[in-house]
């Protein structure tokens, strides 16, 4: 696929690629030059819920911190007790 640079040197990443890699608007990407090529890489270095970079657990393209994981487990356990 070919893309043109705009007047400010920007390109748009095709929606199909963003969807496949779960890249959201305003997400930070790593930009490097490798063997004469510009390489964009998704950073999986923060929790999808709170943005924390500590104690991450990854599942596919997503990462979640221990605190958010524990909160989700606790809420699920509370719902099970109510039912």
PDB file of N, CA and C in Angstrom:
ATOM      1  N   UNK A   1       0.847  -1.169   0.000  1.00  0.00           N
ATOM      2  CA  UNK A   1       0.000   0.000   0.000  1.00  0.00           C
ATOM      3  C   UNK A   1       0.898   1.239   0.000  1.00  0.00           C
ATOM      4  N   UNK A   2       0.524   2.214  -0.760  1.00  0.00           N
ATOM      5  CA  UNK A   2       1.308   3.442  -0.863  1.00  0.00           C
ATOM      6  C   UNK A   2       0.541   4.598  -0.235  1.00  0.00           C
ATOM      7  N   UNK A   3       1.252   5.447   0.477  1.00  0.00           N
ATOM      8  CA  UNK A   3       0.676   6.639   1.102  1.00  0.00           C
ATOM      9  C   UNK A   3       1.536   7.840   0.757  1.00  0.00           C
ATOM     10  N   UNK A   4       0.908   8.998   0.604  1.00  0.00           N
ATOM     11  CA  UNK A   4       1.626  10.244   0.339  1.00  0.00           C
ATOM     12  C   UNK A   4       1.797  11.041   1.614  1.00  0.00           C
ATOM     13  N   UNK A   5       2.919  11.727   1.727  1.00  0.00           N
ATOM     14  CA  UNK A   5       3.136  12.650   2.841  1.00  0.00           C
ATOM     15  C   UNK A   5       2.344  13.920   2.599  1.00  0.00           C
ATOM     16  N   UNK A   6       1.806  14.505   3.669  1.00  0.00           N
ATOM     17  CA  UNK A   6       1.152  15.805   3.517  1.00  0.00           C
ATOM     18  C   UNK A   6       2.205  16.908   3.635  1.00  0.00           C
ATOM     19  N   UNK A   7       1.784  18.147   3.614  1.00  0.00           N
ATOM     20  CA  UNK A   7       2.697  19.282   3.642  1.00  0.00           C
ATOM     21  C   UNK A   7       3.544  19.376   4.897  1.00  0.00           C
ATOM     22  N   UNK A   8       3.119  18.708   5.967  1.00  0.00           N
ATOM     23  CA  UNK A   8       3.873  18.729   7.220  1.00  0.00           C
ATOM     24  C   UNK A   8       4.681  17.443   7.429  1.00  0.00           C
ATOM     25  N   UNK A   9       4.732  16.586   6.407  1.00  0.00           N
ATOM     26  CA  UNK A   9       5.511  15.356   6.509  1.00  0.00           C
ATOM     27  C   UNK A   9       4.775  14.223   7.201  1.00  0.00           C
ATOM     28  N   UNK A  10       3.459  14.299   7.292  1.00  0.00           N
ATOM     29  CA  UNK A  10       2.674  13.267   7.978  1.00  0.00           C
ATOM     30  C   UNK A  10       2.074  12.284   6.984  1.00  0.00           C
ATOM     31  N   UNK A  11       1.813  11.082   7.475  1.00  0.00           N
ATOM     32  CA  UNK A  11       1.056  10.089   6.710  1.00  0.00           C
ATOM     33  C   UNK A  11      -0.073   9.589   7.599  1.00  0.00           C
ATOM     34  N   UNK A  12      -1.094   9.034   6.982  1.00  0.00           N
ATOM     35  CA  UNK A  12      -2.136   8.396   7.785  1.00  0.00           C
ATOM     36  C   UNK A  12      -1.943   6.890   7.707  1.00  0.00           C
ATOM     37  N   UNK A  13      -2.157   6.236   8.826  1.00  0.00           N
ATOM     38  CA  UNK A  13      -2.056   4.778   8.879  1.00  0.00           C
ATOM     39  C   UNK A  13      -3.435   4.229   8.522  1.00  0.00           C
ATOM     40  N   UNK A  14      -3.520   3.331   7.552  1.00  0.00           N
ATOM     41  CA  UNK A  14      -4.826   2.811   7.136  1.00  0.00           C
ATOM     42  C   UNK A  14      -5.616   2.227   8.311  1.00  0.00           C
ATOM     43  N   UNK A  15      -6.920   2.457   8.292  1.00  0.00           N
ATOM     44  CA  UNK A  15      -7.800   2.002   9.362  1.00  0.00           C
ATOM     45  C   UNK A  15      -7.690   0.493   9.580  1.00  0.00           C
ATOM     46  N   UNK A  16      -7.555  -0.269   8.505  1.00  0.00           N
ATOM     47  CA  UNK A  16      -7.448  -1.724   8.639  1.00  0.00           C
ATOM     48  C   UNK A  16      -6.234  -2.101   9.489  1.00  0.00           C
ATOM     49  N   UNK A  17      -5.111  -1.395   9.296  1.00  0.00           N
ATOM     50  CA  UNK A  17      -3.907  -1.660  10.077  1.00  0.00           C
ATOM     51  C   UNK A  17      -4.119  -1.269  11.533  1.00  0.00           C
ATOM     52  N   UNK A  18      -4.729  -0.084  11.753  1.00  0.00           N
ATOM     53  CA  UNK A  18      -4.974   0.377  13.132  1.00  0.00           C
ATOM     54  C   UNK A  18      -5.899  -0.582  13.862  1.00  0.00           C
ATOM     55  N   UNK A  19      -6.928  -1.056  13.171  1.00  0.00           N
ATOM     56  CA  UNK A  19      -7.863  -2.009  13.794  1.00  0.00           C
ATOM     57  C   UNK A  19      -7.163  -3.325  14.131  1.00  0.00           C
ATOM     58  N   UNK A  20      -6.374  -3.830  13.205  1.00  0.00           N
ATOM     59  CA  UNK A  20      -5.677  -5.104  13.415  1.00  0.00           C
ATOM     60  C   UNK A  20      -4.728  -5.043  14.606  1.00  0.00           C
ATOM     61  N   UNK A  21      -4.060  -3.906  14.785  1.00  0.00           N
ATOM     62  CA  UNK A  21      -3.081  -3.756  15.862  1.00  0.00           C
ATOM     63  C   UNK A  21      -3.654  -3.064  17.096  1.00  0.00           C
ATOM     64  N   UNK A  22      -4.960  -2.755  17.072  1.00  0.00           N
ATOM     65  CA  UNK A  22      -5.640  -2.094  18.194  1.00  0.00           C
ATOM     66  C   UNK A  22      -4.943  -0.771  18.545  1.00  0.00           C
ATOM     67  N   UNK A  23      -4.680   0.040  17.529  1.00  0.00           N
ATOM     68  CA  UNK A  23      -4.066   1.348  17.727  1.00  0.00           C
ATOM     69  C   UNK A  23      -5.181   2.383  17.754  1.00  0.00           C
ATOM     70  N   UNK A  24      -5.289   3.098  18.865  1.00  0.00           N
ATOM     71  CA  UNK A  24      -6.318   4.114  19.036  1.00  0.00           C
ATOM     72  C   UNK A  24      -5.772   5.495  18.710  1.00  0.00           C
ATOM     73  N   UNK A  25      -6.683   6.460  18.506  1.00  0.00           N
ATOM     74  CA  UNK A  25      -6.272   7.837  18.262  1.00  0.00           C
ATOM     75  C   UNK A  25      -5.413   8.337  19.410  1.00  0.00           C
ATOM     76  N   UNK A  26      -4.440   9.127  19.105  1.00  0.00           N
ATOM     77  CA  UNK A  26      -3.534   9.756  20.065  1.00  0.00           C
ATOM     78  C   UNK A  26      -2.632   8.765  20.794  1.00  0.00           C
ATOM     79  N   UNK A  27      -2.561   7.529  20.319  1.00  0.00           N
ATOM     80  CA  UNK A  27      -1.674   6.539  20.941  1.00  0.00           C
ATOM     81  C   UNK A  27      -0.235   6.798  20.492  1.00  0.00           C
ATOM     82  N   UNK A  28       0.703   6.617  21.392  1.00  0.00           N
ATOM     83  CA  UNK A  28       2.112   6.807  21.058  1.00  0.00           C
ATOM     84  C   UNK A  28       2.651   5.599  20.307  1.00  0.00           C
ATOM     85  N   UNK A  29       3.428   5.872  19.265  1.00  0.00           N
ATOM     86  CA  UNK A  29       4.096   4.828  18.495  1.00  0.00           C
ATOM     87  C   UNK A  29       5.590   5.092  18.532  1.00  0.00           C
ATOM     88  N   UNK A  30       6.362   4.022  18.471  1.00  0.00           N
ATOM     89  CA  UNK A  30       7.807   4.133  18.406  1.00  0.00           C
ATOM     90  C   UNK A  30       8.188   4.287  16.933  1.00  0.00           C
ATOM     91  N   UNK A  31       8.989   5.305  16.605  1.00  0.00           N
ATOM     92  CA  UNK A  31       9.421   5.549  15.231  1.00  0.00           C
ATOM     93  C   UNK A  31      10.934   5.395  15.187  1.00  0.00           C
ATOM     94  N   UNK A  32      11.416   4.455  14.362  1.00  0.00           N
ATOM     95  CA  UNK A  32      12.849   4.219  14.235  1.00  0.00           C
ATOM     96  C   UNK A  32      13.220   4.099  12.762  1.00  0.00           C
ATOM     97  N   UNK A  33      14.506   4.204  12.487  1.00  0.00           N
ATOM     98  CA  UNK A  33      15.035   3.949  11.150  1.00  0.00           C
ATOM     99  C   UNK A  33      15.868   2.681  11.243  1.00  0.00           C
ATOM    100  N   UNK A  34      15.530   1.703  10.412  1.00  0.00           N
ATOM    101  CA  UNK A  34      16.240   0.424  10.399  1.00  0.00           C
ATOM    102  C   UNK A  34      16.575   0.055   8.964  1.00  0.00           C
ATOM    103  N   UNK A  35      17.865  -0.028   8.678  1.00  0.00           N
ATOM    104  CA  UNK A  35      18.343  -0.409   7.345  1.00  0.00           C
ATOM    105  C   UNK A  35      17.685   0.436   6.248  1.00  0.00           C
ATOM    106  N   UNK A  36      17.638   1.749   6.467  1.00  0.00           N
ATOM    107  CA  UNK A  36      17.107   2.661   5.462  1.00  0.00           C
ATOM    108  C   UNK A  36      15.594   2.704   5.373  1.00  0.00           C
ATOM    109  N   UNK A  37      14.904   2.123   6.329  1.00  0.00           N
ATOM    110  CA  UNK A  37      13.428   2.117   6.344  1.00  0.00           C
ATOM    111  C   UNK A  37      12.926   2.799   7.609  1.00  0.00           C
ATOM    112  N   UNK A  38      11.811   3.485   7.495  1.00  0.00           N
ATOM    113  CA  UNK A  38      11.143   4.056   8.664  1.00  0.00           C
ATOM    114  C   UNK A  38      10.214   2.975   9.206  1.00  0.00           C
ATOM    115  N   UNK A  39      10.375   2.646  10.488  1.00  0.00           N
ATOM    116  CA  UNK A  39       9.593   1.574  11.102  1.00  0.00           C
ATOM    117  C   UNK A  39       8.764   2.154  12.232  1.00  0.00           C
ATOM    118  N   UNK A  40       7.449   1.924  12.178  1.00  0.00           N
ATOM    119  CA  UNK A  40       6.535   2.313  13.250  1.00  0.00           C
ATOM    120  C   UNK A  40       6.203   1.065  14.047  1.00  0.00           C
ATOM    121  N   UNK A  41       6.273   1.163  15.371  1.00  0.00           N
ATOM    122  CA  UNK A  41       5.945   0.019  16.221  1.00  0.00           C
ATOM    123  C   UNK A  41       4.999   0.470  17.317  1.00  0.00           C
ATOM    124  N   UNK A  42       4.007  -0.363  17.571  1.00  0.00           N
ATOM    125  CA  UNK A  42       3.091  -0.077  18.659  1.00  0.00           C
ATOM    126  C   UNK A  42       3.790  -0.336  19.980  1.00  0.00           C
ATOM    127  N   UNK A  43       3.617   0.577  20.915  1.00  0.00           N
ATOM    128  CA  UNK A  43       4.171   0.408  22.256  1.00  0.00           C
ATOM    129  C   UNK A  43       3.117  -0.250  23.137  1.00  0.00           C
ATOM    130  N   UNK A  44       3.425  -1.400  23.680  1.00  0.00           N
ATOM    131  CA  UNK A  44       2.512  -2.093  24.596  1.00  0.00           C
ATOM    132  C   UNK A  44       2.984  -1.891  26.020  1.00  0.00           C
ATOM    133  N   UNK A  45       3.265  -0.661  26.364  1.00  0.00           N
ATOM    134  CA  UNK A  45       3.915  -0.413  27.640  1.00  0.00           C
ATOM    135  C   UNK A  45       3.019   0.262  28.665  1.00  0.00           C
ATOM    136  N   UNK A  46       1.696   0.226  28.462  1.00  0.00           N
ATOM    137  CA  UNK A  46       0.829   0.832  29.470  1.00  0.00           C
ATOM    138  C   UNK A  46      -0.510   0.105  29.534  1.00  0.00           C
ATOM    139  N   UNK A  47      -1.134   0.188  30.686  1.00  0.00           N
ATOM    140  CA  UNK A  47      -2.438  -0.436  30.940  1.00  0.00           C
ATOM    141  C   UNK A  47      -3.509   0.234  30.071  1.00  0.00           C
ATOM    142  N   UNK A  48      -4.355  -0.571  29.431  1.00  0.00           N
ATOM    143  CA  UNK A  48      -5.398  -0.012  28.575  1.00  0.00           C
ATOM    144  C   UNK A  48      -6.471   0.725  29.375  1.00  0.00           C
ATOM    145  N   UNK A  49      -6.546   0.495  30.680  1.00  0.00           N
ATOM    146  CA  UNK A  49      -7.558   1.151  31.500  1.00  0.00           C
ATOM    147  C   UNK A  49      -7.048   2.419  32.170  1.00  0.00           C
ATOM    148  N   UNK A  50      -5.877   2.361  32.803  1.00  0.00           N
ATOM    149  CA  UNK A  50      -5.418   3.515  33.597  1.00  0.00           C
ATOM    150  C   UNK A  50      -4.117   4.142  33.082  1.00  0.00           C
ATOM    151  N   UNK A  51      -3.439   3.479  32.142  1.00  0.00           N
ATOM    152  CA  UNK A  51      -2.204   4.023  31.600  1.00  0.00           C
ATOM    153  C   UNK A  51      -0.956   3.702  32.404  1.00  0.00           C
ATOM    154  N   UNK A  52      -1.085   2.966  33.493  1.00  0.00           N
ATOM    155  CA  UNK A  52       0.066   2.616  34.325  1.00  0.00           C
ATOM    156  C   UNK A  52       1.072   1.776  33.533  1.00  0.00           C
ATOM    157  N   UNK A  53       2.336   1.916  33.892  1.00  0.00           N
ATOM    158  CA  UNK A  53       3.386   1.123  33.246  1.00  0.00           C
ATOM    159  C   UNK A  53       3.970   0.081  34.201  1.00  0.00           C
ATOM    160  N   UNK A  54       3.385  -0.055  35.381  1.00  0.00           N
ATOM    161  CA  UNK A  54       3.896  -0.973  36.413  1.00  0.00           C
ATOM    162  C   UNK A  54       3.077  -2.254  36.451  1.00  0.00           C
ATOM    163  N   UNK A  55       3.745  -3.386  36.610  1.00  0.00           N
ATOM    164  CA  UNK A  55       3.085  -4.669  36.830  1.00  0.00           C
ATOM    165  C   UNK A  55       2.143  -5.076  35.712  1.00  0.00           C
ATOM    166  N   UNK A  56       2.580  -4.977  34.473  1.00  0.00           N
ATOM    167  CA  UNK A  56       1.704  -5.255  33.336  1.00  0.00           C
ATOM    168  C   UNK A  56       1.612  -6.735  33.017  1.00  0.00           C
ATOM    169  N   UNK A  57       0.420  -7.148  32.618  1.00  0.00           N
ATOM    170  CA  UNK A  57       0.156  -8.479  32.095  1.00  0.00           C
ATOM    171  C   UNK A  57      -0.378  -8.253  30.687  1.00  0.00           C
ATOM    172  N   UNK A  58       0.195  -8.938  29.698  1.00  0.00           N
ATOM    173  CA  UNK A  58      -0.236  -8.747  28.312  1.00  0.00           C
ATOM    174  C   UNK A  58      -1.089  -9.915  27.853  1.00  0.00           C
ATOM    175  N   UNK A  59      -2.094  -9.575  27.041  1.00  0.00           N
ATOM    176  CA  UNK A  59      -2.934 -10.587  26.396  1.00  0.00           C
ATOM    177  C   UNK A  59      -3.162 -10.107  24.975  1.00  0.00           C
ATOM    178  N   UNK A  60      -2.568 -10.783  24.017  1.00  0.00           N
ATOM    179  CA  UNK A  60      -2.663 -10.337  22.624  1.00  0.00           C
ATOM    180  C   UNK A  60      -2.055  -8.954  22.488  1.00  0.00           C
ATOM    181  N   UNK A  61      -2.820  -8.025  21.945  1.00  0.00           N
ATOM    182  CA  UNK A  61      -2.320  -6.669  21.728  1.00  0.00           C
ATOM    183  C   UNK A  61      -2.578  -5.755  22.924  1.00  0.00           C
ATOM    184  N   UNK A  62      -3.156  -6.282  24.000  1.00  0.00           N
ATOM    185  CA  UNK A  62      -3.536  -5.458  25.145  1.00  0.00           C
ATOM    186  C   UNK A  62      -2.673  -5.744  26.370  1.00  0.00           C
ATOM    187  N   UNK A  63      -2.507  -4.715  27.203  1.00  0.00           N
ATOM    188  CA  UNK A  63      -1.821  -4.875  28.488  1.00  0.00           C
ATOM    189  C   UNK A  63      -2.715  -4.309  29.578  1.00  0.00           C
ATOM    190  N   UNK A  64      -2.664  -4.935  30.759  1.00  0.00           N
ATOM    191  CA  UNK A  64      -3.438  -4.468  31.907  1.00  0.00           C
ATOM    192  C   UNK A  64      -2.541  -4.577  33.139  1.00  0.00           C
ATOM    193  N   UNK A  65      -2.640  -3.588  34.020  1.00  0.00           N
ATOM    194  CA  UNK A  65      -1.806  -3.612  35.222  1.00  0.00           C
ATOM    195  C   UNK A  65      -2.461  -4.478  36.296  1.00  0.00           C
ATOM    196  N   UNK A  66      -1.671  -4.875  37.290  1.00  0.00           N
ATOM    197  CA  UNK A  66      -2.181  -5.733  38.367  1.00  0.00           C
ATOM    198  C   UNK A  66      -3.313  -5.067  39.138  1.00  0.00           C
ATOM    199  N   UNK A  67      -3.212  -3.757  39.365  1.00  0.00           N
ATOM    200  CA  UNK A  67      -4.250  -3.068  40.135  1.00  0.00           C
ATOM    201  C   UNK A  67      -5.592  -3.128  39.416  1.00  0.00           C
ATOM    202  N   UNK A  68      -5.618  -2.818  38.099  1.00  0.00           N
ATOM    203  CA  UNK A  68      -6.872  -2.875  37.346  1.00  0.00           C
ATOM    204  C   UNK A  68      -7.392  -4.302  37.254  1.00  0.00           C
ATOM    205  N   UNK A  69      -6.477  -5.263  37.081  1.00  0.00           N
ATOM    206  CA  UNK A  69      -6.875  -6.672  37.038  1.00  0.00           C
ATOM    207  C   UNK A  69      -7.553  -7.072  38.345  1.00  0.00           C
ATOM    208  N   UNK A  70      -6.956  -6.681  39.471  1.00  0.00           N
ATOM    209  CA  UNK A  70      -7.536  -7.020  40.773  1.00  0.00           C
ATOM    210  C   UNK A  70      -8.896  -6.368  40.966  1.00  0.00           C
ATOM    211  N   UNK A  71      -9.057  -5.128  40.505  1.00  0.00           N
ATOM    212  CA  UNK A  71     -10.352  -4.447  40.616  1.00  0.00           C
ATOM    213  C   UNK A  71     -11.415  -5.166  39.789  1.00  0.00           C
ATOM    214  N   UNK A  72     -11.053  -5.629  38.594  1.00  0.00           N
ATOM    215  CA  UNK A  72     -12.003  -6.348  37.740  1.00  0.00           C
ATOM    216  C   UNK A  72     -12.391  -7.667  38.391  1.00  0.00           C
ATOM    217  N   UNK A  73     -11.421  -8.385  38.918  1.00  0.00           N
ATOM    218  CA  UNK A  73     -11.695  -9.660  39.588  1.00  0.00           C
ATOM    219  C   UNK A  73     -12.608  -9.425  40.794  1.00  0.00           C
ATOM    220  N   UNK A  74     -12.318  -8.377  41.580  1.00  0.00           N
ATOM    221  CA  UNK A  74     -13.123  -8.081  42.765  1.00  0.00           C
ATOM    222  C   UNK A  74     -14.567  -7.753  42.380  1.00  0.00           C
ATOM    223  N   UNK A  75     -14.757  -6.931  41.359  1.00  0.00           N
ATOM    224  CA  UNK A  75     -16.112  -6.578  40.923  1.00  0.00           C
ATOM    225  C   UNK A  75     -16.851  -7.805  40.415  1.00  0.00           C
ATOM    226  N   UNK A  76     -16.149  -8.682  39.690  1.00  0.00           N
ATOM    227  CA  UNK A  76     -16.765  -9.926  39.195  1.00  0.00           C
ATOM    228  C   UNK A  76     -17.172 -10.828  40.343  1.00  0.00           C
ATOM    229  N   UNK A  77     -16.320 -10.896  41.374  1.00  0.00           N
ATOM    230  CA  UNK A  77     -16.617 -11.719  42.539  1.00  0.00           C
ATOM    231  C   UNK A  77     -17.830 -11.158  43.284  1.00  0.00           C
ATOM    232  N   UNK A  78     -17.914  -9.830  43.412  1.00  0.00           N
ATOM    233  CA  UNK A  78     -19.051  -9.200  44.086  1.00  0.00           C
ATOM    234  C   UNK A  78     -20.339  -9.475  43.333  1.00  0.00           C
ATOM    235  N   UNK A  79     -20.317  -9.421  41.999  1.00  0.00           N
ATOM    236  CA  UNK A  79     -21.517  -9.697  41.210  1.00  0.00           C
ATOM    237  C   UNK A  79     -21.959 -11.143  41.379  1.00  0.00           C
ATOM    238  N   UNK A  80     -20.995 -12.060  41.477  1.00  0.00           N
ATOM    239  CA  UNK A  80     -21.332 -13.466  41.644  1.00  0.00           C
ATOM    240  C   UNK A  80     -22.000 -13.699  43.002  1.00  0.00           C
ATOM    241  N   UNK A  81     -21.572 -12.976  44.050  1.00  0.00           N
ATOM    242  CA  UNK A  81     -22.160 -13.125  45.378  1.00  0.00           C
ATOM    243  C   UNK A  81     -23.586 -12.585  45.416  1.00  0.00           C
ATOM    244  N   UNK A  82     -23.851 -11.528  44.636  1.00  0.00           N
ATOM    245  CA  UNK A  82     -25.183 -10.900  44.606  1.00  0.00           C
ATOM    246  C   UNK A  82     -26.176 -11.800  43.891  1.00  0.00           C
ATOM    247  N   UNK A  83     -25.738 -12.479  42.851  1.00  0.00           N
ATOM    248  CA  UNK A  83     -26.653 -13.299  42.026  1.00  0.00           C
ATOM    249  C   UNK A  83     -27.199 -14.475  42.769  1.00  0.00           C
TER     250      UNK A  83
END
